[in-house]
Protein backbone atom coordinates (compact mmCIF):
# COMPACT_ATOMS: atom_id res chain seq x y z
CA MET A 1 -22.89 17.93 2.09
CA LYS A 2 -19.83 15.94 2.37
CA THR A 3 -16.99 15.98 0.21
CA GLU A 4 -16.71 12.20 0.14
CA ASP A 5 -20.43 12.01 -0.98
CA LEU A 6 -19.93 14.41 -3.93
CA ALA A 7 -16.91 11.83 -4.61
CA LEU A 8 -18.98 9.04 -4.44
CA PHE A 9 -21.52 10.67 -6.62
CA HIS A 10 -18.62 11.33 -9.33
CA ARG A 11 -17.59 7.57 -9.06
CA ILE A 12 -21.10 6.36 -10.11
CA ALA A 13 -21.44 9.35 -12.90
CA GLU A 14 -17.98 8.20 -14.43
CA THR A 15 -18.73 4.37 -14.11
CA GLY A 16 -22.72 4.41 -14.97
CA SER A 17 -22.97 1.46 -12.16
CA LEU A 18 -23.58 1.42 -8.51
CA ILE A 19 -21.94 -1.95 -8.49
CA GLU A 20 -18.84 -0.84 -10.48
CA ALA A 21 -18.49 2.54 -8.06
CA ALA A 22 -18.78 0.18 -5.07
CA ASP A 23 -16.19 -1.88 -6.05
CA LEU A 24 -14.07 0.89 -7.11
CA LEU A 25 -14.56 2.49 -3.48
CA ASN A 26 -14.43 -0.74 -1.43
CA LEU A 27 -17.56 -0.13 -0.32
CA PRO A 28 -20.94 -2.33 0.00
CA LYS A 29 -23.40 -1.68 -2.82
CA SER A 30 -26.03 -0.78 -0.37
CA THR A 31 -23.80 2.16 1.33
CA VAL A 32 -22.99 3.31 -1.75
CA SER A 33 -26.96 3.63 -2.92
CA ARG A 34 -27.88 4.60 0.66
CA ARG A 35 -25.46 7.68 0.36
CA LEU A 36 -26.43 8.38 -3.07
CA GLN A 37 -30.06 8.89 -1.87
CA ALA A 38 -29.05 10.78 1.34
CA LEU A 39 -27.57 13.24 -1.68
CA GLU A 40 -30.55 13.45 -3.75
CA ASP A 41 -32.69 14.26 -0.87
CA GLU A 42 -30.26 16.94 0.80
CA LEU A 43 -30.63 18.50 -3.23
CA ASN A 44 -33.92 17.65 -3.46
CA ILE A 45 -33.02 16.49 -7.14
CA LYS A 46 -33.15 13.22 -9.07
CA LEU A 47 -29.37 12.89 -10.12
CA PHE A 48 -29.79 9.76 -12.21
CA HIS A 49 -31.95 7.67 -14.24
CA ARG A 50 -31.79 4.20 -12.34
CA GLN A 51 -31.98 1.16 -15.10
CA SER A 52 -31.47 -2.69 -14.08
CA ARG A 53 -27.75 -2.58 -15.36
CA SER A 54 -26.91 0.98 -15.51
CA MET A 55 -27.23 4.44 -13.88
CA THR A 56 -27.33 7.49 -16.52
CA LEU A 57 -27.29 10.86 -15.22
CA THR A 58 -30.68 13.03 -15.36
CA SER A 59 -30.39 16.66 -16.62
CA ALA A 60 -29.96 18.06 -13.68
CA GLY A 61 -27.60 15.37 -12.66
CA SER A 62 -25.46 16.32 -15.49
CA HIS A 63 -25.17 19.87 -14.63
CA PHE A 64 -24.29 18.84 -11.17
CA TYR A 65 -21.80 16.70 -12.29
CA GLN A 66 -19.94 19.52 -14.51
CA ARG A 67 -20.45 22.30 -11.85
CA SER A 68 -19.38 19.87 -8.97
CA GLN A 69 -16.25 18.82 -10.71
CA ASN A 70 -15.31 22.25 -10.69
CA ILE A 71 -15.67 22.79 -7.03
CA LEU A 72 -13.42 19.47 -6.10
CA ALA A 73 -11.00 21.07 -8.50
CA GLN A 74 -11.14 24.23 -6.89
CA LEU A 75 -11.13 22.66 -3.22
CA ASP A 76 -7.81 20.43 -4.24
CA GLU A 77 -6.42 23.52 -5.62
CA THR A 78 -6.66 25.31 -2.48
CA ILE A 79 -5.24 22.41 -0.26
CA PHE A 80 -2.45 21.96 -2.41
CA GLU A 81 -1.60 25.74 -2.56
CA MET A 82 -1.80 25.86 1.29
CA THR A 83 0.01 22.32 1.90
CA ASN A 84 3.83 22.36 1.75
CA ASP A 85 5.51 19.82 -0.31
CA ASP A 86 6.75 17.92 2.68
CA ALA A 87 3.16 17.30 4.26
CA GLU A 88 2.10 13.79 4.55
CA LEU A 89 -0.21 12.60 1.98
CA SER A 90 -3.34 10.20 2.65
CA GLY A 91 -6.13 8.76 0.34
CA HIS A 92 -6.09 5.95 -2.51
CA LEU A 93 -4.09 5.89 -5.61
CA ARG A 94 -5.14 3.88 -8.44
CA ILE A 95 -2.39 3.26 -11.08
CA GLN A 96 -2.04 1.48 -14.19
CA ILE A 97 1.09 -0.06 -15.60
CA PHE A 98 1.74 -0.94 -19.20
CA PRO A 99 3.62 -4.27 -19.17
CA ILE A 100 6.77 -2.01 -20.06
CA HIS A 101 10.51 -2.82 -20.01
CA SER A 102 11.57 -0.13 -16.93
CA MET A 103 9.27 -1.80 -14.62
CA LYS A 104 11.82 -2.09 -12.14
CA THR A 105 13.14 1.34 -12.24
CA LEU A 106 9.43 2.68 -12.37
CA MET A 107 8.07 0.51 -9.29
CA GLN A 108 11.36 1.66 -6.93
CA ALA A 109 10.43 5.26 -7.69
CA VAL A 110 6.88 4.34 -6.96
CA PHE A 111 7.78 2.40 -3.60
CA ARG A 112 10.19 5.45 -2.69
CA PHE A 113 7.03 7.36 -2.91
CA MET A 114 5.18 5.17 -0.67
CA ASP A 115 7.75 5.51 1.89
CA MET A 116 7.64 9.46 1.89
CA HIS A 117 3.94 9.02 2.40
CA PRO A 118 3.32 6.16 4.74
CA LYS A 119 -0.56 7.19 5.02
CA LEU A 120 -1.14 6.82 1.21
CA THR A 121 -2.54 3.66 -0.29
CA LEU A 122 -1.58 2.29 -4.04
CA GLU A 123 -3.67 0.03 -6.15
CA VAL A 124 -1.03 -0.73 -9.18
CA ILE A 125 -3.20 -2.77 -12.23
CA HIS A 126 -0.69 -4.26 -14.53
CA SER A 127 -2.43 -4.65 -18.05
CA SER A 128 -1.66 -3.86 -21.72
CA GLU A 129 -5.58 -3.04 -21.80
CA SER A 130 -6.38 0.27 -23.18
CA VAL A 131 -9.31 1.69 -20.80
CA ASP A 132 -11.11 4.99 -19.92
CA MET A 133 -9.12 6.43 -17.07
CA VAL A 134 -12.17 8.30 -16.03
CA LYS A 135 -14.74 5.37 -15.94
CA HIS A 136 -12.04 3.06 -14.39
CA ASN A 137 -10.95 5.44 -11.79
CA LEU A 138 -7.41 5.48 -12.29
CA ASP A 139 -5.59 8.60 -11.50
CA VAL A 140 -2.51 7.77 -13.73
CA ALA A 141 -1.03 5.34 -16.04
CA PHE A 142 2.35 4.66 -17.59
CA VAL A 143 1.97 3.27 -21.21
CA VAL A 144 4.10 3.09 -24.30
CA GLU A 145 3.60 4.86 -27.49
CA PRO A 146 2.01 2.19 -29.93
CA ALA A 147 -0.57 1.72 -26.76
CA LEU A 148 -1.44 5.48 -26.63
CA ASP A 149 -4.62 7.08 -27.31
CA THR A 150 -4.32 11.01 -26.13
CA LEU A 151 -8.17 11.56 -26.23
CA ASP A 152 -8.86 13.15 -23.17
CA LEU A 153 -5.47 12.64 -21.73
CA VAL A 154 -2.19 14.49 -20.65
CA VAL A 155 0.79 12.88 -21.25
CA ARG A 156 4.34 13.37 -20.21
CA THR A 157 7.25 11.36 -21.29
CA ILE A 158 9.34 9.68 -18.60
CA PHE A 159 11.53 7.09 -20.31
CA THR A 160 12.76 6.93 -23.73
CA THR A 161 14.86 3.52 -25.29
CA GLU A 162 16.78 2.63 -28.14
CA LEU A 163 14.64 0.02 -30.13
CA ARG A 164 16.35 -2.58 -32.74
CA PHE A 165 15.88 -6.01 -34.65
CA TYR A 166 18.04 -8.82 -32.74
CA ALA A 167 18.43 -12.38 -33.60
CA SER A 168 20.35 -15.64 -32.40
CA PRO A 169 23.04 -16.74 -34.31
CA GLN A 170 21.49 -20.04 -34.83
CA TYR A 171 18.50 -18.47 -36.35
CA LEU A 172 20.72 -16.32 -38.77
CA ALA A 173 22.91 -19.55 -39.45
CA VAL A 174 19.61 -21.26 -40.70
CA HIS A 175 18.09 -18.41 -42.41
CA GLY A 176 20.52 -15.70 -43.49
CA ILE A 177 21.26 -12.23 -42.18
CA PRO A 178 18.96 -9.63 -43.31
CA LYS A 179 21.15 -6.73 -45.10
CA THR A 180 18.00 -3.98 -45.56
CA PRO A 181 15.14 -2.94 -43.77
CA LYS A 182 12.95 -4.40 -46.47
CA GLU A 183 14.48 -7.99 -46.03
CA ILE A 184 13.21 -8.00 -42.36
CA GLU A 185 9.85 -8.25 -43.82
CA SER A 186 10.64 -11.53 -45.05
CA HIS A 187 11.48 -13.10 -41.71
CA ASN A 188 9.70 -14.64 -38.82
CA VAL A 189 9.21 -11.76 -36.22
CA SER A 190 7.60 -12.11 -33.03
CA LEU A 191 4.85 -9.70 -32.85
CA PHE A 192 3.21 -7.80 -30.03
CA ARG A 193 -0.78 -7.58 -29.49
CA LEU A 194 -2.64 -5.62 -27.21
CA SER A 195 -6.01 -7.32 -25.06
CA ASN A 196 -7.98 -5.30 -27.33
CA GLY A 197 -6.84 -7.53 -30.18
CA LYS A 198 -4.77 -4.73 -31.66
CA VAL A 199 -1.55 -6.70 -33.40
CA PHE A 200 1.70 -4.15 -33.98
CA ASN A 201 3.36 -5.29 -36.84
CA GLU A 202 4.59 -2.02 -38.27
CA LEU A 203 7.88 -1.14 -36.70
CA TRP A 204 10.18 1.44 -37.32
CA ILE A 205 13.87 1.28 -38.29
CA GLY A 206 15.86 4.42 -37.12
CA SER A 207 13.43 7.88 -37.11
CA GLU A 208 12.20 7.58 -40.65
CA GLN A 209 11.75 3.82 -42.05
CA GLU A 210 8.92 1.69 -41.16
CA VAL A 211 8.84 -1.82 -42.07
CA ARG A 212 5.49 -4.30 -41.94
CA VAL A 213 6.67 -7.58 -40.32
CA LYS A 214 4.86 -11.19 -39.88
CA GLY A 215 5.88 -13.92 -37.78
CA ASN A 216 4.22 -17.37 -36.31
CA PHE A 217 4.04 -16.13 -32.88
CA CYS A 218 2.66 -13.15 -30.88
CA SER A 219 2.68 -11.86 -27.23
CA ASN A 220 2.10 -8.92 -24.91
CA SER A 221 5.95 -9.40 -22.96
CA VAL A 222 8.98 -8.08 -24.33
CA GLU A 223 10.60 -10.45 -22.00
CA VAL A 224 8.77 -13.52 -23.58
CA ALA A 225 9.57 -12.17 -27.51
CA VAL A 226 13.46 -12.12 -26.40
CA GLU A 227 13.11 -15.63 -25.15
CA PHE A 228 11.62 -16.28 -28.20
CA ALA A 229 14.75 -15.14 -30.16
CA LEU A 230 17.09 -16.95 -27.95
CA GLN A 231 15.50 -19.99 -28.65
CA GLY A 232 16.61 -19.44 -32.06
CA ARG A 233 12.83 -19.30 -33.20
CA GLY A 234 12.71 -15.83 -35.09
CA ILE A 235 13.47 -11.98 -34.75
CA VAL A 236 12.71 -9.81 -31.88
CA TYR A 237 12.35 -6.19 -31.84
CA ALA A 238 13.61 -5.04 -28.51
CA PRO A 239 14.95 -1.91 -26.27
CA ALA A 240 18.58 -2.28 -25.93
CA GLU A 241 18.73 -2.59 -22.13
CA VAL A 242 16.38 -5.55 -22.18
CA VAL A 243 18.83 -7.30 -24.53
CA ALA A 244 22.17 -6.05 -23.29
CA GLU A 245 23.25 -9.02 -21.25
CA HIS A 246 22.20 -11.20 -24.49
CA LEU A 247 24.42 -9.19 -26.73
CA GLU A 248 27.25 -9.25 -24.38
CA ASN A 249 27.34 -12.95 -24.23
CA GLY A 250 26.80 -13.47 -27.95
CA GLU A 251 23.40 -15.13 -27.50
CA LEU A 252 21.88 -12.53 -29.68
CA ILE A 253 23.24 -10.34 -32.55
CA THR A 254 22.10 -6.89 -33.39
CA LEU A 255 20.38 -6.65 -36.83
CA LEU A 256 21.02 -3.67 -39.11
CA PRO A 257 23.44 -1.92 -36.81
CA GLU A 258 24.73 0.66 -39.15
CA ILE A 259 21.26 2.15 -39.00
CA GLU A 260 20.36 4.48 -35.83
CA ALA A 261 18.16 2.88 -33.18
CA HIS A 262 14.39 3.82 -33.29
CA LEU A 263 13.89 6.03 -30.11
CA GLY A 264 10.80 4.72 -28.31
CA GLU A 265 9.17 6.40 -25.27
CA CYS A 266 6.93 5.87 -22.21
CA PHE A 267 4.14 8.15 -20.67
CA LEU A 268 2.72 9.33 -17.73
CA ALA A 269 -0.52 10.09 -18.60
CA TYR A 270 -3.80 11.35 -16.70
CA PRO A 271 -7.25 12.09 -17.66
CA SER A 272 -7.61 15.92 -18.95
CA ARG A 273 -11.34 15.62 -17.69
CA ARG A 274 -11.12 14.93 -14.36
CA TYR A 275 -10.00 16.94 -11.20
CA VAL A 276 -6.48 15.77 -10.32
CA SER A 277 -6.21 14.95 -6.68
CA LEU A 278 -3.60 16.28 -4.24
CA ALA A 279 -2.19 12.88 -4.01
CA SER A 280 -2.17 12.38 -7.73
CA ARG A 281 -0.36 15.89 -8.12
CA ARG A 282 2.00 15.32 -6.00
CA PHE A 283 2.83 11.62 -7.27
CA ILE A 284 2.95 13.13 -10.89
CA ASP A 285 5.50 16.01 -9.78
CA TYR A 286 7.66 13.52 -8.15
CA ILE A 287 7.78 10.68 -11.02
CA MET A 288 8.62 13.40 -13.17
CA GLN A 289 11.05 15.07 -10.82
CA GLU A 290 12.63 11.60 -10.47
CA LEU A 291 12.59 10.10 -14.02
CA ALA A 292 12.50 13.09 -16.32
CA PRO A 293 14.35 15.93 -14.20
CA ASN A 294 14.57 19.47 -15.91
CA GLY A 295 11.49 17.97 -18.35
CA VAL A 296 14.78 15.08 -19.77
CA PRO A 297 13.30 11.80 -19.95
CA THR A 298 15.70 8.89 -18.76
CA ASN A 299 17.23 7.23 -21.44
CA MET A 300 16.80 3.59 -20.15
CA SER A 301 19.62 2.19 -23.06
CA THR A 302 22.19 4.80 -21.65
CA GLU A 303 21.70 4.30 -18.14
CA VAL A 304 22.51 0.39 -18.77
CA ASP A 305 25.25 1.08 -20.67
CA LYS A 306 26.41 3.35 -17.80
CA ARG A 307 26.01 0.59 -15.25
CA ARG A 308 27.79 -1.88 -17.49
CA THR A 309 30.50 0.15 -17.77
CA CYS A 310 30.93 1.04 -14.04
CA ASN A 311 30.68 -2.64 -13.46
CA ALA A 312 33.49 -3.45 -16.15
CA SER A 313 35.42 -1.04 -14.60
CA ARG A 314 35.34 -2.47 -11.25
CA LYS A 315 36.27 -5.99 -12.37
CA ALA A 316 39.51 -4.54 -14.36
CA PHE A 317 41.18 -3.71 -11.13
CA SER A 318 42.85 -6.59 -9.24
CA GLU A 319 41.73 -7.54 -6.00
CA ASP A 320 44.23 -5.99 -3.87
CA VAL A 321 43.52 -2.73 -5.34
CA GLN A 322 41.40 -0.62 -2.99
CA LEU A 323 38.94 1.26 -4.86
CA PHE A 324 37.59 3.32 -2.18
CA PRO A 325 39.07 4.86 0.91
């Protein structure tokens, strides 16, 4: 029995469809069907009930899936133990990335990992849709806390960010400056909607206070929401690092600055009910080492402040001063 045929069987079981499994594996449907039939012939058991649109496991198929999952996990564990950290990886990783504000920092880390392992191929799905990671054959996902469903997932924090309300001077001149969290609720606030239809209109101020906001504009992009505020159309709830430049040049103003920022989180997530491949393990370990060293997530708002302070310090020197030898 070939291990790749065993993995193919798992993809069919997890998607419930020959066509979806073929698409995920980038194989013709006929090839997937032929290899599945060969596996059933070799085992001399029927693994699936075949229907016009779906494939469901038989009792024997379900038992084989559970036991073979352990076999694949043990095989990968053995390879993981025997392979040194510098060994070149191969294979394919499917990664979902929620529309997060730290995309550039995250992708830089992803590309560095690819450079370390040129035989590895990566597929990045940029989506705010909450999906079954096992069924969609996703190895890793990067999600934010409002979209996080921890059911059957292992989650680890990689980023934190300081979230506040902001508005343009033009908007505030017309509509007034909210002085309390309760007053925020009477203003026009940009809303955030996931692809499944869920709207996030309950937002945190600080660590303990929550407000229910409303507005005439909704998107699934932080950058689009910030543009809404820049145009003087309402208030935006955004990470500090996204609006830092707009605050500096006076295009946006921080609301309720006396209240501490809410600390939002971005997570790395992977399925707990499926074995984790060697490539996935190495990728997860690398991302955690790069973005959350010693288990401490990177505070993106602080990182931006550091970079801006550094740039300002350099500009403070006259051009005839040599900064570096």
